[in-house]
Amino acid sequence: MSALKIVEMEAKPEFNIFYFAELNGSTRIEHSLMESLEKYWNEWMPHLKVYKLQQPEGGKGTDFLLLYLEEEVENAVEEIWQATPTEGLAHHNLAITLVMSAAQSLLPELEEGKCAPLPKPGEAALAAFESLGLTWNQEGTVNRQYAVFTPFPYSGGCDVCYLEETCPKSQTRH
């Protein structure tokens, strides 16, 4: 097993109010909520971690993009949720918007409505997760609530996705 090189990257997520509103099921957003969303977007940006998990020089295989928001964001969402469930849901959706907007800034295909397929990580990817303090769960998640792990560059949808059999959006399941 050759180790994947972990390369820190920079994403440039932009707040897309239409994406957020669709995710949040909103047709309008109150001014006070908009101010709160802006405040937390700016506070959470430094907690966005973006990595390319790269094959070693001359290695064969796929490179991956890994993005996640640190635990501090999860804790902040939970605090808001405990105080006001409606606001909690909106801020949960803000965290999703942040991580997905970051992914879209690096994989433009995602802006076209394509899914970010979740590959089954091999031993090298699992070792990279571990070195970053992440744990893979058999359900197809890591121990961060707001995360994206996908081939980089974009290389297909459902046909390369670990969740192909259980995803409601699967285009290959019969």
Protein backbone atom coordinates (compact mmCIF):
# COMPACT_ATOMS: atom_id res chain seq x y z
CA MET A 1 0.00 0.00 0.00
CA SER A 2 1.46 3.35 -0.99
CA ALA A 3 0.47 6.25 1.17
CA LEU A 4 -1.56 9.09 -0.26
CA LYS A 5 0.08 12.48 -0.06
CA ILE A 6 -2.10 14.92 1.90
CA VAL A 7 -2.00 18.31 0.20
CA GLU A 8 -3.77 21.21 1.87
CA MET A 9 -5.85 23.21 -0.59
CA GLU A 10 -7.76 26.44 -0.54
CA ALA A 11 -11.40 26.63 -1.53
CA LYS A 12 -13.26 29.83 -2.28
CA PRO A 13 -16.85 29.18 -1.28
CA GLU A 14 -19.37 31.88 -2.02
CA PHE A 15 -22.69 32.04 -0.23
CA ASN A 16 -25.37 31.10 -2.76
CA ILE A 17 -28.66 32.32 -1.31
CA PHE A 18 -30.67 30.25 -3.83
CA TYR A 19 -28.86 27.03 -2.93
CA PHE A 20 -29.31 27.77 0.78
CA ALA A 21 -33.02 28.65 0.37
CA GLU A 22 -33.68 25.43 -1.56
CA LEU A 23 -31.84 23.36 1.04
CA ASN A 24 -33.64 25.17 3.85
CA GLY A 25 -37.05 24.94 2.19
CA SER A 26 -37.43 28.73 2.37
CA THR A 27 -38.97 31.13 -0.07
CA ARG A 28 -37.97 34.14 2.01
CA ILE A 29 -35.32 34.83 4.62
CA GLU A 30 -35.88 37.30 7.44
CA HIS A 31 -33.31 40.08 7.77
CA SER A 32 -32.29 38.97 11.29
CA LEU A 33 -31.66 35.40 10.06
CA MET A 34 -29.66 36.73 7.10
CA GLU A 35 -27.45 38.70 9.51
CA SER A 36 -26.93 35.60 11.64
CA LEU A 37 -26.09 33.49 8.58
CA GLU A 38 -23.51 36.05 7.47
CA LYS A 39 -21.99 36.18 10.95
CA TYR A 40 -21.65 32.40 11.22
CA TRP A 41 -20.47 31.95 7.62
CA ASN A 42 -17.56 34.28 8.42
CA GLU A 43 -16.88 32.62 11.79
CA TRP A 44 -16.96 29.12 10.31
CA MET A 45 -14.78 29.78 7.26
CA PRO A 46 -11.52 29.29 9.22
CA HIS A 47 -12.86 25.89 10.36
CA LEU A 48 -13.15 24.64 6.78
CA LYS A 49 -10.46 22.08 6.04
CA VAL A 50 -9.73 21.19 2.42
CA TYR A 51 -7.30 18.49 1.29
CA LYS A 52 -6.33 16.69 -1.87
CA LEU A 53 -5.42 13.09 -1.12
CA GLN A 54 -2.96 12.53 -3.91
CA GLN A 55 -1.42 9.38 -5.33
CA PRO A 56 2.36 9.25 -4.87
CA GLU A 57 4.51 10.44 -7.79
CA GLY A 58 4.11 7.90 -10.57
CA GLY A 59 1.40 6.06 -8.62
CA LYS A 60 -1.70 4.78 -10.32
CA GLY A 61 -5.15 5.35 -9.00
CA THR A 62 -7.53 8.12 -8.15
CA ASP A 63 -6.86 11.32 -6.27
CA PHE A 64 -9.55 12.51 -3.86
CA LEU A 65 -10.92 15.74 -2.49
CA LEU A 66 -11.71 15.83 1.21
CA LEU A 67 -13.48 18.80 2.75
CA TYR A 68 -14.94 19.10 6.22
CA LEU A 69 -15.91 21.56 8.89
CA GLU A 70 -14.21 21.06 12.24
CA GLU A 71 -16.05 19.98 15.37
CA GLU A 72 -16.36 23.60 16.57
CA VAL A 73 -18.92 24.18 13.81
CA GLU A 74 -20.91 21.11 14.84
CA ASN A 75 -20.92 22.35 18.42
CA ALA A 76 -22.04 25.84 17.37
CA VAL A 77 -24.91 24.40 15.30
CA GLU A 78 -25.96 22.23 18.25
CA GLU A 79 -25.96 25.25 20.61
CA ILE A 80 -28.12 27.23 18.20
CA TRP A 81 -30.40 24.21 17.75
CA GLN A 82 -30.86 23.89 21.52
CA ALA A 83 -31.75 27.57 21.84
CA THR A 84 -34.08 27.76 18.82
CA PRO A 85 -34.79 24.67 16.69
CA THR A 86 -35.86 26.72 13.66
CA GLU A 87 -32.65 28.73 13.75
CA GLY A 88 -30.73 25.51 14.41
CA LEU A 89 -32.07 23.96 11.23
CA ALA A 90 -31.18 27.08 9.24
CA HIS A 91 -27.63 27.05 10.61
CA HIS A 92 -27.32 23.30 9.99
CA ASN A 93 -28.24 24.06 6.38
CA LEU A 94 -25.75 26.94 6.37
CA ALA A 95 -22.96 24.51 7.34
CA ILE A 96 -24.03 22.18 4.50
CA THR A 97 -24.10 25.16 2.11
CA LEU A 98 -20.60 26.17 3.21
CA VAL A 99 -19.02 22.76 2.67
CA MET A 100 -20.88 22.16 -0.62
CA SER A 101 -20.03 25.65 -1.92
CA ALA A 102 -16.39 24.94 -1.11
CA ALA A 103 -16.61 21.66 -3.03
CA GLN A 104 -18.31 23.43 -5.94
CA SER A 105 -15.51 26.02 -6.07
CA LEU A 106 -13.06 23.18 -6.78
CA LEU A 107 -15.35 20.88 -8.78
CA PRO A 108 -17.50 23.04 -11.08
CA GLU A 109 -19.46 19.95 -12.19
CA LEU A 110 -21.19 20.04 -8.80
CA GLU A 111 -22.65 23.45 -9.65
CA GLU A 112 -24.36 21.81 -12.62
CA GLY A 113 -26.46 19.76 -10.21
CA LYS A 114 -24.27 16.67 -10.30
CA CYS A 115 -23.73 14.73 -7.09
CA ALA A 116 -20.37 14.41 -5.39
CA PRO A 117 -20.04 10.62 -5.51
CA LEU A 118 -18.66 9.01 -2.37
CA PRO A 119 -16.01 6.42 -3.24
CA LYS A 120 -15.26 3.52 -0.93
CA PRO A 121 -11.91 4.47 0.57
CA GLY A 122 -9.06 2.02 0.26
CA GLU A 123 -6.41 1.42 2.91
CA ALA A 124 -4.37 4.44 1.80
CA ALA A 125 -7.37 6.79 2.11
CA LEU A 126 -8.27 5.30 5.51
CA ALA A 127 -4.68 5.92 6.67
CA ALA A 128 -4.92 9.53 5.42
CA PHE A 129 -8.20 10.00 7.32
CA GLU A 130 -6.57 8.65 10.47
CA SER A 131 -3.61 11.00 10.14
CA LEU A 132 -6.09 13.89 9.92
CA GLY A 133 -7.92 12.69 13.04
CA LEU A 134 -10.90 11.35 11.11
CA THR A 135 -12.59 7.98 11.42
CA TRP A 136 -14.43 6.23 8.57
CA ASN A 137 -17.75 4.57 9.42
CA GLN A 138 -19.16 1.67 7.39
CA GLU A 139 -22.30 3.74 6.64
CA GLY A 140 -20.11 5.83 4.36
CA THR A 141 -19.37 8.75 6.65
CA VAL A 142 -16.48 10.19 8.59
CA ASN A 143 -16.73 11.45 12.15
CA ARG A 144 -17.44 14.99 10.97
CA GLN A 145 -21.05 15.89 10.31
CA TYR A 146 -20.27 18.31 7.48
CA ALA A 147 -17.90 16.61 5.06
CA VAL A 148 -17.38 15.73 1.41
CA PHE A 149 -15.07 12.98 0.15
CA THR A 150 -15.09 12.51 -3.61
CA PRO A 151 -12.80 11.74 -6.57
CA PHE A 152 -10.68 14.68 -7.74
CA PRO A 153 -10.98 15.74 -10.47
CA TYR A 154 -14.64 14.88 -10.96
CA SER A 155 -14.89 11.43 -12.49
CA GLY A 156 -18.45 10.23 -12.65
CA GLY A 157 -21.52 10.00 -10.52
CA CYS A 158 -23.55 7.04 -9.33
CA ASP A 159 -21.34 4.47 -11.04
CA VAL A 160 -18.41 5.25 -8.70
CA CYS A 161 -20.45 5.93 -5.54
CA TYR A 162 -20.28 3.84 -2.37
CA LEU A 163 -23.91 4.74 -1.62
CA GLU A 164 -25.19 3.68 -5.06
CA GLU A 165 -27.51 1.00 -3.63
CA THR A 166 -29.02 3.14 -0.86
CA CYS A 167 -29.08 6.66 -2.33
CA PRO A 168 -32.53 7.92 -3.31
CA LYS A 169 -30.93 9.81 -6.23
CA SER A 170 -29.17 6.74 -7.66
CA GLN A 171 -29.32 6.60 -11.44
CA THR A 172 -27.99 3.02 -11.62
CA ARG A 173 -30.08 1.14 -9.06
CA HIS A 174 -32.92 -0.89 -10.52
